[in-house]
Every structure is written in C-alpha cells, then in structure tokens.
Amino acid sequence: MDTNDFNIVDFHWSQELENEYTEYMSKCEAQIDRDFYEGTDLEVEDEFETLSGQPFCGCGTCYVREELFFLVPRIIEAYKKGQIVVPEDEK
C-alpha cells in the first residue's frame, strides 16, 4: 500500500486537469492588467466571469479562492468516478 493520502489512478485525467487549471488561472491573471491593455491590439477576454463570481485582483486570497473553486468540484467528481482513490478506501 502507498503511504500517500490519495492515489491518482487516471493520469490522463490529471494531465487534463493540470492543463485546464493553467488555462483558467491564465484567464484570471489576464484580468489583473485588463485596464492596461484597453485600447491596444492585445486582446483580453471581455466579461470573464470567475468561477467564484468574485473579481480577481491577483492577491493571495484571490488565488486561493479561485484555485479552490476550480479544483475542489473536479477532485470530488474524480473521486466519485474512481480516478482518485484514498488508500483507506482500498482496505
């Protein structure tokens, strides 16, 4: 038995999650400098809505909040599907 608190069974899922997370956080970060890019040829997605529904300013609280809103539901769903297992569940 592994000594980890959880084991990822579906590594394809974890790679997709990582890619989607990176893309989501990039969209959040683009909102920080949105005013800076206004009126230039560089495009920032209009009316981007964070998963939490709160504005993203780039502070530590914003990062943690959006990470939780992004990751927690996906991790719960993966656990329900058996893509993540908890060693004590395997007993």
C-alpha atoms as a PDB file:
ATOM      1  CA  MET A   1       0.000   0.000   0.000  1.00  0.00           C
ATOM      2  CA  ASP A   2       1.131   3.511  -0.769  1.00  0.00           C
ATOM      3  CA  THR A   3       1.730   5.953   2.096  1.00  0.00           C
ATOM      4  CA  ASN A   4       0.178   8.884   0.148  1.00  0.00           C
ATOM      5  CA  ASP A   5      -3.059  10.438   1.342  1.00  0.00           C
ATOM      6  CA  PHE A   6      -4.520   9.724  -2.092  1.00  0.00           C
ATOM      7  CA  ASN A   7      -3.533   7.983  -5.315  1.00  0.00           C
ATOM      8  CA  ILE A   8      -4.254   9.152  -8.838  1.00  0.00           C
ATOM      9  CA  VAL A   9      -5.466   6.218 -10.889  1.00  0.00           C
ATOM     10  CA  ASP A  10      -6.193   8.067 -14.128  1.00  0.00           C
ATOM     11  CA  PHE A  11      -3.102  10.012 -15.150  1.00  0.00           C
ATOM     12  CA  HIS A  12      -4.783  11.204 -18.363  1.00  0.00           C
ATOM     13  CA  TRP A  13      -7.390  12.903 -16.172  1.00  0.00           C
ATOM     14  CA  SER A  14      -4.713  14.538 -14.026  1.00  0.00           C
ATOM     15  CA  GLN A  15      -2.902  15.900 -17.091  1.00  0.00           C
ATOM     16  CA  GLU A  16      -6.145  17.352 -18.462  1.00  0.00           C
ATOM     17  CA  LEU A  17      -6.890  18.873 -15.069  1.00  0.00           C
ATOM     18  CA  GLU A  18      -3.471  20.495 -14.976  1.00  0.00           C
ATOM     19  CA  ASN A  19      -3.912  21.943 -18.474  1.00  0.00           C
ATOM     20  CA  GLU A  20      -7.420  23.245 -17.751  1.00  0.00           C
ATOM     21  CA  TYR A  21      -6.276  24.714 -14.422  1.00  0.00           C
ATOM     22  CA  THR A  22      -3.358  26.517 -16.082  1.00  0.00           C
ATOM     23  CA  GLU A  23      -5.676  27.932 -18.751  1.00  0.00           C
ATOM     24  CA  TYR A  24      -8.243  29.066 -16.177  1.00  0.00           C
ATOM     25  CA  MET A  25      -5.676  30.772 -13.961  1.00  0.00           C
ATOM     26  CA  SER A  26      -4.160  32.492 -17.016  1.00  0.00           C
ATOM     27  CA  LYS A  27      -7.585  33.941 -17.802  1.00  0.00           C
ATOM     28  CA  CYS A  28      -7.886  35.118 -14.207  1.00  0.00           C
ATOM     29  CA  GLU A  29      -4.449  36.723 -14.335  1.00  0.00           C
ATOM     30  CA  ALA A  30      -5.268  38.461 -17.613  1.00  0.00           C
ATOM     31  CA  GLN A  31      -7.995  40.344 -15.756  1.00  0.00           C
ATOM     32  CA  ILE A  32      -5.419  41.987 -13.476  1.00  0.00           C
ATOM     33  CA  ASP A  33      -3.941  44.046 -16.291  1.00  0.00           C
ATOM     34  CA  ARG A  34      -7.114  44.364 -18.317  1.00  0.00           C
ATOM     35  CA  ASP A  35      -7.195  48.152 -17.969  1.00  0.00           C
ATOM     36  CA  PHE A  36      -3.574  48.334 -19.108  1.00  0.00           C
ATOM     37  CA  TYR A  37      -4.399  46.545 -22.385  1.00  0.00           C
ATOM     38  CA  GLU A  38      -7.572  48.513 -23.068  1.00  0.00           C
ATOM     39  CA  GLY A  39      -7.286  50.364 -26.357  1.00  0.00           C
ATOM     40  CA  THR A  40      -4.383  48.266 -27.635  1.00  0.00           C
ATOM     41  CA  ASP A  41      -4.235  45.448 -30.168  1.00  0.00           C
ATOM     42  CA  LEU A  42      -3.731  42.918 -27.372  1.00  0.00           C
ATOM     43  CA  GLU A  43      -6.959  41.178 -26.504  1.00  0.00           C
ATOM     44  CA  VAL A  44      -8.181  40.292 -23.049  1.00  0.00           C
ATOM     45  CA  GLU A  45     -11.349  38.253 -22.818  1.00  0.00           C
ATOM     46  CA  ASP A  46     -14.321  40.552 -22.268  1.00  0.00           C
ATOM     47  CA  GLU A  47     -16.607  39.931 -19.354  1.00  0.00           C
ATOM     48  CA  PHE A  48     -14.623  36.988 -17.984  1.00  0.00           C
ATOM     49  CA  GLU A  49     -16.506  35.599 -15.004  1.00  0.00           C
ATOM     50  CA  THR A  50     -14.509  33.829 -12.326  1.00  0.00           C
ATOM     51  CA  LEU A  51     -15.935  30.575 -11.002  1.00  0.00           C
ATOM     52  CA  SER A  52     -16.425  32.205  -7.612  1.00  0.00           C
ATOM     53  CA  GLY A  53     -18.195  35.188  -9.148  1.00  0.00           C
ATOM     54  CA  GLN A  54     -15.756  37.487  -7.358  1.00  0.00           C
ATOM     55  CA  PRO A  55     -13.294  39.869  -9.048  1.00  0.00           C
ATOM     56  CA  PHE A  56      -9.702  38.634  -9.369  1.00  0.00           C
ATOM     57  CA  CYS A  57      -7.048  41.175  -8.356  1.00  0.00           C
ATOM     58  CA  GLY A  58      -4.081  38.807  -8.090  1.00  0.00           C
ATOM     59  CA  CYS A  59      -3.718  38.830  -4.305  1.00  0.00           C
ATOM     60  CA  GLY A  60      -3.125  35.624  -2.373  1.00  0.00           C
ATOM     61  CA  THR A  61      -6.771  35.430  -1.309  1.00  0.00           C
ATOM     62  CA  CYS A  62      -7.931  35.610  -4.933  1.00  0.00           C
ATOM     63  CA  TYR A  63      -5.530  32.869  -5.984  1.00  0.00           C
ATOM     64  CA  VAL A  64      -6.589  30.504  -3.196  1.00  0.00           C
ATOM     65  CA  ARG A  65     -10.293  31.228  -3.719  1.00  0.00           C
ATOM     66  CA  GLU A  66     -10.182  30.577  -7.473  1.00  0.00           C
ATOM     67  CA  GLU A  67      -7.958  27.501  -7.058  1.00  0.00           C
ATOM     68  CA  LEU A  68     -10.493  26.034  -4.622  1.00  0.00           C
ATOM     69  CA  PHE A  69     -13.467  26.876  -6.836  1.00  0.00           C
ATOM     70  CA  PHE A  70     -11.699  25.284  -9.798  1.00  0.00           C
ATOM     71  CA  LEU A  71     -10.122  22.215  -8.208  1.00  0.00           C
ATOM     72  CA  VAL A  72     -12.464  21.023  -5.446  1.00  0.00           C
ATOM     73  CA  PRO A  73     -15.502  20.113  -7.589  1.00  0.00           C
ATOM     74  CA  ARG A  74     -13.274  18.368 -10.146  1.00  0.00           C
ATOM     75  CA  ILE A  75     -11.425  16.403  -7.484  1.00  0.00           C
ATOM     76  CA  ILE A  76     -14.692  15.339  -5.828  1.00  0.00           C
ATOM     77  CA  GLU A  77     -16.061  14.200  -9.190  1.00  0.00           C
ATOM     78  CA  ALA A  78     -12.836  12.286  -9.960  1.00  0.00           C
ATOM     79  CA  TYR A  79     -13.028  10.591  -6.567  1.00  0.00           C
ATOM     80  CA  LYS A  80     -16.637   9.539  -7.223  1.00  0.00           C
ATOM     81  CA  LYS A  81     -15.576   8.114 -10.612  1.00  0.00           C
ATOM     82  CA  GLY A  82     -12.630   6.225  -9.099  1.00  0.00           C
ATOM     83  CA  GLN A  83      -9.994   8.328 -10.856  1.00  0.00           C
ATOM     84  CA  ILE A  84      -8.588   9.202  -7.429  1.00  0.00           C
ATOM     85  CA  VAL A  85      -8.572   6.735  -4.565  1.00  0.00           C
ATOM     86  CA  VAL A  86      -7.846   7.111  -0.873  1.00  0.00           C
ATOM     87  CA  PRO A  87      -5.716   4.243   0.465  1.00  0.00           C
ATOM     88  CA  GLU A  88      -8.061   3.623   3.400  1.00  0.00           C
ATOM     89  CA  ASP A  89     -10.863   3.055   0.834  1.00  0.00           C
ATOM     90  CA  GLU A  90      -8.783   0.253  -0.691  1.00  0.00           C
ATOM     91  CA  LYS A  91      -8.760  -1.835   2.527  1.00  0.00           C
END
